[in-house]
Protein backbone atom coordinates (compact mmCIF):
# COMPACT_ATOMS: atom_id res chain seq x y z
CA MET A 1 -83.82 23.03 -31.49
CA ALA A 2 -81.30 20.92 -30.68
CA ALA A 3 -78.62 18.55 -32.20
CA ALA A 4 -76.27 16.59 -30.01
CA LEU A 5 -73.53 13.06 -30.66
CA PRO A 6 -73.12 10.65 -27.99
CA ASP A 7 -71.08 11.26 -24.90
CA GLN A 8 -71.20 14.84 -26.53
CA GLY A 9 -72.73 18.66 -25.42
CA GLN A 10 -76.17 19.68 -27.05
CA LEU A 11 -76.18 22.55 -29.61
CA ASN A 12 -79.38 24.52 -28.86
CA ILE A 13 -80.62 27.32 -31.17
CA PRO A 14 -83.90 28.72 -31.85
CA VAL A 15 -85.33 28.72 -34.89
CA ALA A 16 -86.71 32.20 -36.01
CA LYS A 17 -90.48 31.57 -36.82
CA LEU A 18 -90.99 33.05 -39.84
CA GLY A 19 -92.36 30.79 -42.21
CA ALA A 20 -90.62 29.88 -45.41
CA GLN A 21 -93.75 30.97 -47.54
CA ASP A 22 -93.26 34.67 -46.05
CA LEU A 23 -89.57 34.93 -45.93
CA ILE A 24 -89.07 34.26 -50.18
CA GLY A 25 -92.07 36.27 -50.80
CA ARG A 26 -93.99 33.57 -52.26
CA ALA A 27 -97.43 34.92 -51.05
CA THR A 28 -96.51 38.38 -52.97
CA ILE A 29 -95.88 36.54 -55.85
CA GLU A 30 -99.30 34.60 -55.67
CA HIS A 31 -100.74 37.63 -55.13
CA GLY A 32 -99.14 39.12 -58.14
CA ARG A 33 -100.32 36.35 -60.54
CA ASP A 34 -104.14 35.93 -59.09
CA LEU A 35 -104.05 39.84 -59.99
CA ALA A 36 -103.19 39.04 -63.05
CA ARG A 37 -105.41 36.05 -63.84
CA GLN A 38 -108.00 37.84 -62.48
CA ASP A 39 -107.82 41.10 -65.06
CA ARG A 40 -107.08 43.45 -62.28
CA TRP A 41 -104.12 45.25 -64.41
CA GLU A 42 -105.30 48.61 -62.60
CA ASP A 43 -104.83 47.35 -59.33
CA LEU A 44 -101.75 45.51 -59.68
CA SER A 45 -100.11 48.73 -61.31
CA SER A 46 -101.32 50.92 -57.94
CA GLU A 47 -99.97 48.06 -55.85
CA MET A 48 -96.23 48.00 -57.72
CA ARG A 49 -96.28 52.22 -58.23
CA ALA A 50 -96.44 51.73 -54.44
CA ALA A 51 -94.23 49.59 -53.45
CA ASP A 52 -91.26 50.78 -55.63
CA ASP A 53 -92.19 54.67 -54.28
CA MET A 54 -91.97 53.49 -50.77
CA ARG A 55 -88.90 50.92 -51.43
CA LYS A 56 -90.85 48.06 -49.56
CA VAL A 57 -88.35 44.65 -49.18
CA ALA A 58 -89.94 40.98 -48.60
CA PRO A 59 -87.67 39.85 -45.15
CA ASP A 60 -84.92 38.37 -48.08
CA GLY A 61 -83.99 41.75 -49.27
CA MET A 62 -86.35 41.39 -52.91
CA PRO A 63 -88.14 44.60 -53.56
CA ILE A 64 -92.15 44.25 -53.23
CA ALA A 65 -93.10 45.80 -56.43
CA ASP A 66 -90.28 43.03 -58.24
CA LEU A 67 -92.25 40.38 -56.56
CA LEU A 68 -95.33 41.57 -57.88
CA ALA A 69 -94.68 41.76 -61.68
CA PHE A 70 -92.95 38.56 -61.18
CA GLY A 71 -96.20 37.03 -60.17
CA ALA A 72 -97.78 38.78 -63.16
CA ARG A 73 -96.18 37.53 -65.64
CA SER A 74 -95.44 33.88 -64.04
CA ASP A 75 -97.72 31.92 -65.75
CA VAL A 76 -96.34 32.97 -69.32
CA VAL A 77 -92.55 33.09 -68.86
CA LEU A 78 -93.21 29.36 -66.75
CA ALA A 79 -95.54 28.10 -69.63
CA ALA A 80 -92.26 29.31 -72.62
CA GLU A 81 -89.72 28.13 -69.84
CA HIS A 82 -91.47 24.40 -69.54
CA ALA A 83 -92.05 24.25 -73.24
CA LEU A 84 -88.23 25.19 -74.17
CA SER A 85 -87.32 22.16 -71.80
CA ASP A 86 -89.46 19.85 -72.35
CA GLY A 87 -87.78 18.74 -76.13
CA LYS A 88 -90.17 17.87 -77.99
CA ALA A 89 -91.99 20.08 -80.96
CA ILE A 90 -92.77 23.73 -80.28
CA SER A 91 -95.02 25.36 -81.70
CA ASP A 92 -94.84 29.39 -82.28
CA TYR A 93 -98.67 29.71 -79.97
CA ASP A 94 -97.10 27.79 -77.23
CA LEU A 95 -94.33 29.95 -77.20
CA LEU A 96 -95.77 33.41 -78.10
CA GLY A 97 -99.47 33.17 -77.55
CA GLY A 98 -98.50 34.36 -73.36
CA ILE A 99 -96.89 37.26 -74.42
CA SER A 100 -98.92 38.44 -77.29
CA GLU A 101 -101.48 38.44 -74.35
CA LEU A 102 -99.59 40.43 -72.39
CA GLU A 103 -98.97 42.82 -74.73
CA GLY A 104 -102.28 43.10 -75.55
CA GLU A 105 -102.55 44.70 -72.04
CA MET A 106 -100.26 47.12 -72.46
CA LEU A 107 -101.94 48.75 -75.74
CA GLU A 108 -105.40 48.60 -73.13
CA HIS A 109 -103.39 50.84 -70.91
CA PRO A 110 -101.23 52.68 -72.91
CA ASP A 111 -100.24 55.27 -70.48
CA ASP A 112 -99.44 52.98 -67.44
CA PRO A 113 -95.71 52.57 -67.22
CA MET A 114 -95.99 49.63 -64.18
CA ILE A 115 -98.20 47.42 -67.06
CA ALA A 116 -95.35 48.28 -69.85
CA LEU A 117 -92.52 47.21 -67.34
CA VAL A 118 -94.12 43.40 -66.72
CA VAL A 119 -94.27 43.44 -70.05
CA ALA A 120 -90.42 44.19 -71.06
CA LEU A 121 -89.63 42.27 -67.76
CA ALA A 122 -91.33 39.11 -69.17
CA HIS A 123 -89.46 39.75 -72.65
CA ILE A 124 -86.00 39.28 -70.71
CA ASP A 125 -87.32 36.09 -68.69
CA LEU A 126 -88.33 34.73 -72.37
CA ALA A 127 -84.78 35.59 -73.32
CA TRP A 128 -82.79 34.34 -70.85
CA ALA A 129 -85.53 30.99 -71.96
CA TRP A 130 -84.32 30.81 -75.30
CA ARG A 131 -80.62 31.03 -74.00
CA GLY A 132 -80.79 28.64 -71.72
CA THR A 133 -77.19 27.52 -70.66
CA ALA A 134 -75.98 26.32 -73.86
CA SER A 135 -72.38 27.74 -74.87
CA ASP A 136 -72.09 30.62 -77.29
CA ALA A 137 -70.69 27.84 -79.84
CA THR A 138 -73.72 25.40 -79.07
CA LEU A 139 -76.76 27.70 -78.22
CA PRO A 140 -78.89 26.85 -82.16
CA PRO A 141 -79.24 29.91 -84.60
CA LEU A 142 -83.06 30.00 -83.75
CA HIS A 143 -82.46 30.29 -80.08
CA ARG A 144 -80.23 32.93 -80.57
CA SER A 145 -82.30 34.84 -82.81
CA ARG A 146 -85.42 34.61 -80.51
CA CYS A 147 -83.43 35.75 -77.69
CA ALA A 148 -82.23 38.52 -78.80
CA ALA A 149 -85.46 39.23 -80.31
CA HIS A 150 -86.77 39.68 -77.17
CA PHE A 151 -84.36 41.51 -75.58
CA ASP A 152 -84.79 44.29 -78.72
CA ARG A 153 -88.39 44.25 -77.78
CA ALA A 154 -87.91 45.02 -74.03
CA ALA A 155 -85.53 47.48 -74.72
CA ALA A 156 -88.20 49.20 -77.17
CA ILE A 157 -90.46 49.41 -74.26
CA LEU A 158 -88.36 50.67 -71.69
CA PRO A 159 -87.67 54.70 -72.44
CA ALA A 160 -91.22 55.03 -71.90
CA CYS A 161 -91.26 53.75 -68.46
CA LYS A 162 -87.83 55.55 -67.55
CA ALA A 163 -89.39 59.01 -68.89
CA ALA A 164 -93.16 58.48 -66.60
CA LEU A 165 -91.20 57.25 -64.08
CA PRO A 166 -87.50 58.53 -63.67
CA ASP A 167 -87.03 57.98 -60.36
CA SER A 168 -88.04 54.62 -60.03
CA PRO A 169 -85.89 51.47 -58.52
CA LEU A 170 -87.56 48.82 -60.28
CA ILE A 171 -87.42 50.49 -63.69
CA ALA A 172 -83.84 51.25 -62.92
CA ALA A 173 -83.32 47.75 -61.90
CA THR A 174 -85.08 46.89 -65.16
CA SER A 175 -82.87 48.93 -67.07
CA CYS A 176 -79.75 46.77 -65.49
CA ALA A 177 -80.92 43.33 -66.00
CA LEU A 178 -81.04 44.23 -69.81
CA LEU A 179 -77.29 45.39 -70.51
CA ALA A 180 -77.13 41.28 -70.44
CA GLY A 181 -78.86 41.24 -73.80
CA GLN A 182 -76.22 44.21 -74.92
CA ARG A 183 -72.98 43.13 -74.87
CA LYS A 184 -71.59 46.13 -76.54
CA ALA A 185 -73.28 48.31 -73.41
CA THR A 186 -69.67 47.67 -70.96
CA ALA A 187 -69.08 51.45 -70.61
CA ARG A 188 -72.62 51.94 -69.17
CA VAL A 189 -72.58 49.08 -66.71
CA ALA A 190 -71.42 51.22 -63.93
CA ASP A 191 -73.30 54.35 -64.35
CA GLU A 192 -76.98 52.44 -64.84
CA TYR A 193 -75.90 50.48 -61.44
CA GLU A 194 -74.97 53.74 -59.93
CA ARG A 195 -78.08 55.62 -60.99
CA LEU A 196 -79.75 52.43 -59.83
CA ILE A 197 -77.88 52.46 -56.41
CA THR A 198 -78.41 56.31 -55.88
CA LEU A 199 -82.37 56.03 -56.02
CA ASP A 200 -82.22 52.84 -53.98
CA PRO A 201 -79.09 52.48 -51.60
CA GLN A 202 -80.61 50.95 -48.81
CA ASN A 203 -80.97 48.01 -50.67
CA GLN A 204 -77.85 46.06 -50.94
CA ARG A 205 -78.79 43.72 -53.79
CA HIS A 206 -78.10 46.61 -56.34
CA MET A 207 -74.67 46.72 -54.87
CA ARG A 208 -74.37 42.66 -55.63
CA ALA A 209 -76.14 42.40 -58.60
CA MET A 210 -73.24 45.46 -60.01
CA GLY A 211 -69.99 43.74 -58.85
CA SER A 212 -71.10 40.25 -60.41
CA HIS A 213 -71.95 42.11 -63.58
CA LEU A 214 -68.31 43.90 -63.09
CA LEU A 215 -66.60 40.68 -63.92
CA PRO A 216 -64.47 39.78 -66.90
CA ARG A 217 -67.24 37.30 -67.59
CA TRP A 218 -69.65 39.78 -68.23
CA PHE A 219 -68.68 43.29 -68.59
CA GLY A 220 -65.98 44.47 -66.31
CA SER A 221 -62.54 43.71 -65.58
CA TYR A 222 -60.74 42.91 -61.60
CA GLU A 223 -59.70 46.12 -61.82
CA GLU A 224 -63.06 47.71 -62.61
CA LEU A 225 -64.32 45.62 -60.15
CA GLU A 226 -62.46 47.19 -57.53
CA LEU A 227 -62.47 50.65 -58.85
CA GLN A 228 -66.26 50.91 -58.73
CA ALA A 229 -66.69 48.72 -54.91
CA LEU A 230 -64.39 51.72 -53.85
CA ARG A 231 -66.29 54.19 -55.74
CA ASN A 232 -69.58 52.73 -54.11
CA ALA A 233 -68.01 52.56 -50.85
CA ALA A 234 -67.60 55.99 -50.77
CA ARG A 235 -71.12 57.20 -52.06
CA THR A 236 -72.85 55.19 -49.59
CA GLN A 237 -70.56 55.57 -46.75
CA ASN A 238 -73.70 57.22 -44.48
CA THR A 239 -75.83 54.47 -45.22
CA TRP A 240 -73.19 50.57 -44.92
CA GLY A 241 -69.99 52.65 -43.99
CA ALA A 242 -67.00 50.60 -45.47
CA GLY A 243 -70.24 48.22 -46.48
CA GLY A 244 -70.61 49.35 -49.78
CA TYR A 245 -67.25 48.25 -50.69
CA THR A 246 -68.52 44.81 -49.35
CA TRP A 247 -71.76 44.31 -51.07
CA VAL A 248 -69.98 45.17 -54.64
CA GLN A 249 -67.47 42.39 -53.66
CA PHE A 250 -69.91 40.36 -51.88
CA ASP A 251 -71.45 38.01 -54.88
CA ALA A 252 -68.56 38.96 -57.76
CA ILE A 253 -65.45 36.80 -55.04
CA ALA A 254 -68.00 33.57 -54.39
CA LEU A 255 -68.47 33.60 -58.24
CA ASP A 256 -64.90 34.09 -59.11
CA GLU A 257 -61.63 32.54 -58.11
CA GLU A 258 -59.05 35.49 -59.35
CA ALA A 259 -61.42 38.32 -57.62
CA CYS A 260 -61.40 36.36 -54.33
CA ALA A 261 -57.55 36.29 -54.45
CA ARG A 262 -57.37 40.28 -55.34
CA VAL A 263 -59.88 41.65 -52.66
CA ASP A 264 -58.65 44.00 -50.01
CA VAL A 265 -59.72 41.48 -47.53
CA GLU A 266 -58.86 43.87 -44.68
CA TYR A 267 -61.73 46.65 -46.07
CA PHE A 268 -63.95 43.89 -46.66
CA LEU A 269 -64.01 42.88 -43.07
CA GLU A 270 -64.13 46.03 -42.02
CA GLY A 271 -67.47 46.49 -44.35
CA ILE A 272 -68.69 43.17 -42.70
CA ARG A 273 -68.35 45.01 -39.16
CA ASP A 274 -70.06 48.39 -40.09
CA ILE A 275 -72.81 46.03 -41.68
CA VAL A 276 -73.07 44.43 -38.50
CA ARG A 277 -73.17 47.63 -37.18
CA LEU A 278 -75.88 49.71 -39.07
CA ARG A 279 -77.76 46.22 -39.64
CA PRO A 280 -77.85 44.08 -36.75
CA ASP A 281 -80.90 42.27 -37.27
CA GLN A 282 -81.05 38.43 -37.28
CA GLN A 283 -81.73 38.61 -41.04
CA MET A 284 -78.76 39.89 -41.87
CA ILE A 285 -76.48 38.11 -39.31
CA ASN A 286 -77.80 34.76 -40.74
CA MET A 287 -76.52 35.88 -44.26
CA LEU A 288 -73.62 37.06 -43.17
CA SER A 289 -72.57 34.13 -41.00
CA ALA A 290 -74.16 31.24 -44.37
CA TYR A 291 -72.06 33.17 -46.50
CA CYS A 292 -68.66 33.16 -44.67
CA ALA A 293 -69.06 29.49 -43.40
CA ILE A 294 -70.64 28.24 -46.32
CA THR A 295 -70.45 30.20 -49.70
CA LEU A 296 -67.57 31.20 -49.56
CA GLN A 297 -66.05 27.58 -48.44
CA ASN A 298 -67.29 25.98 -51.71
CA GLY A 299 -64.69 26.85 -53.75
CA LEU A 300 -61.71 25.57 -51.42
CA GLY A 301 -58.73 23.94 -52.43
CA LEU A 302 -59.31 25.53 -55.97
CA ASP A 303 -56.60 28.75 -55.68
CA ASP A 304 -54.19 29.08 -53.07
CA ARG A 305 -54.77 32.59 -52.99
CA ALA A 306 -58.27 32.68 -52.62
CA ASP A 307 -58.07 30.49 -50.22
CA LEU A 308 -56.09 32.90 -47.78
CA VAL A 309 -59.63 35.09 -47.92
CA ARG A 310 -61.52 31.75 -47.31
CA THR A 311 -59.58 31.40 -44.27
CA GLN A 312 -60.59 34.80 -42.83
CA MET A 313 -63.82 34.54 -43.93
CA ARG A 314 -63.90 31.30 -41.67
CA GLU A 315 -62.89 33.39 -38.94
CA THR A 316 -65.01 35.85 -39.28
CA ALA A 317 -68.09 33.53 -39.36
CA ASN A 318 -67.20 32.23 -36.00
CA TRP A 319 -66.97 35.88 -34.50
CA LEU A 320 -70.19 36.74 -36.59
CA ILE A 321 -71.62 33.23 -34.90
CA ARG A 322 -70.34 33.66 -31.22
CA ASP A 323 -71.24 37.22 -30.90
CA HIS A 324 -73.94 38.29 -32.95
CA LEU A 325 -76.13 34.88 -34.18
CA THR A 326 -79.42 34.53 -31.20
CA GLU A 327 -81.15 32.25 -33.44
CA LEU A 328 -81.67 30.19 -37.06
CA HIS A 329 -83.27 31.05 -40.28
CA PRO A 330 -82.96 27.93 -42.55
CA LEU A 331 -83.93 29.42 -45.22
CA ILE A 332 -81.07 32.06 -45.37
CA TRP A 333 -78.49 29.11 -45.10
CA ALA A 334 -80.11 27.00 -48.09
CA HIS A 335 -79.60 30.03 -50.31
CA ALA A 336 -76.10 30.20 -49.28
CA ALA A 337 -75.15 26.67 -50.00
CA ASP A 338 -76.14 27.48 -53.73
CA GLY A 339 -73.60 30.86 -53.58
CA PHE A 340 -77.18 33.07 -52.99
CA ASN A 341 -78.21 32.16 -56.60
CA ASN A 342 -81.39 34.13 -57.16
CA SER A 343 -82.39 31.68 -59.76
CA VAL A 344 -82.42 29.11 -57.99
CA ARG A 345 -86.35 27.43 -58.18
CA ILE A 346 -87.54 26.47 -54.82
CA ASN A 347 -90.55 23.84 -55.30
CA SER A 348 -91.04 23.56 -51.55
CA PRO A 349 -90.05 25.99 -49.11
CA GLU A 350 -90.35 23.39 -46.83
CA ARG A 351 -87.40 20.75 -47.78
CA PHE A 352 -85.45 23.91 -48.69
CA ALA A 353 -85.48 25.20 -45.67
CA ALA A 354 -85.10 21.61 -43.79
CA ARG A 355 -81.73 21.45 -45.78
CA GLY A 356 -80.73 24.51 -44.92
CA HIS A 357 -81.29 23.87 -41.06
CA ARG A 358 -79.16 20.81 -41.52
CA ASP A 359 -76.29 22.73 -43.06
CA ALA A 360 -76.59 25.28 -40.67
CA LEU A 361 -76.45 22.77 -37.58
CA ARG A 362 -73.22 21.19 -39.24
CA ALA A 363 -71.57 24.54 -39.74
CA ILE A 364 -72.54 26.03 -36.70
CA GLY A 365 -71.59 22.66 -34.64
CA ASP A 366 -67.94 22.59 -36.23
CA LEU A 367 -67.32 26.13 -35.20
CA PHE A 368 -68.35 24.72 -31.54
CA ARG A 369 -66.47 21.08 -31.94
CA ASP A 370 -64.25 21.87 -29.14
CA GLU A 371 -66.62 22.70 -26.65
CA LEU A 372 -68.96 19.80 -27.71
CA ARG A 373 -66.43 17.45 -27.88
CA SER A 374 -65.44 18.23 -24.03
CA GLY A 375 -69.65 18.05 -23.10
CA LYS A 376 -70.33 21.25 -22.70
CA ASN A 377 -73.86 22.72 -23.77
CA VAL A 378 -74.43 25.33 -26.24
CA THR A 379 -76.98 27.09 -26.14
CA PHE A 380 -77.91 30.36 -28.18
CA THR A 381 -79.96 33.21 -26.52
CA PRO A 382 -81.14 36.60 -26.94
CA SER A 383 -78.73 38.09 -24.43
CA GLY A 384 -75.71 35.62 -25.90
CA LEU A 385 -74.39 32.79 -26.09
CA GLN A 386 -74.80 30.17 -22.51
CA PHE A 387 -72.47 26.85 -21.99
CA SER A 388 -73.01 24.17 -19.37
CA ARG A 389 -73.09 20.89 -18.55
CA ASN A 390 -75.91 18.07 -17.86
């Protein structure tokens, strides 16, 4: 794909052939939904169990078992979200009918922890649907009580799942997700995430989630965030080098100015170098490049100390793109603009990817401004950058 301005050089970078549907696991989600709609719960459970045991992930790192579970409960959750956002009179049946059917499936399969887990996850999703985006002060009492009830129900279901499959990363991740409904669980947060990361150290998403939950706005403090990031680096040294520190800080410093200002930037950047050394695939290079070039630059100007960190991250983006990028993954760049927020709903992967493509070309073109203005063509190839003139 080429981009150029009049009287300037041209930027040429190939776009990955991996489709947007594949990249975000949409086909897996649809498969999970189809299995639930066809009442093929045993097949769903079997596929979730196999994917969980093998730690299988989609190209963007989302666990396949998680995607299947989301598909299986999506009809119920999306219907409830729609009813709650409609603003009209809501009958109890609209909101309780679907989850009651899922509870019925759990009763019909009393010894199946994966089906029970789908129900627990549905309750967590419904708790968040009732919670919405209102502040604590403005949240209506009905919404508050329904949110708490769904979290409580998920908490009641989960222990049997843990007992049946103590080494399941998906169940451990659900246990971490449940902490959001138990605001007195602060002391357990690091322990729960440590257990999850030990079960699945290859998946950086768990470390990133831990960092976010250790911010003061959730369960931790800036001191605890730093401590756990350092501990995680030590625990995952064989897998990530110093990258374990970087992953724990990754989302936290994008969300919080004070965390960004406090991060040990030299160690964070050492972690990025180790991640690139250990995982040099283009999926990872695109994510790190987009994060440094776009995600962390979104808050520029809000805090002088954090801006010093952002300046170094921008220099890191320059290194990543010039020395390691060979192809563009537009969807990753689109997610970067949203802070890699996993809750963002993507109605059209194609339009979302197109936006990411534009953002990426703008950011990359900015890094090569001097070369392009001098009339040089900048071409990304599998063997590295090439510069030429027309």
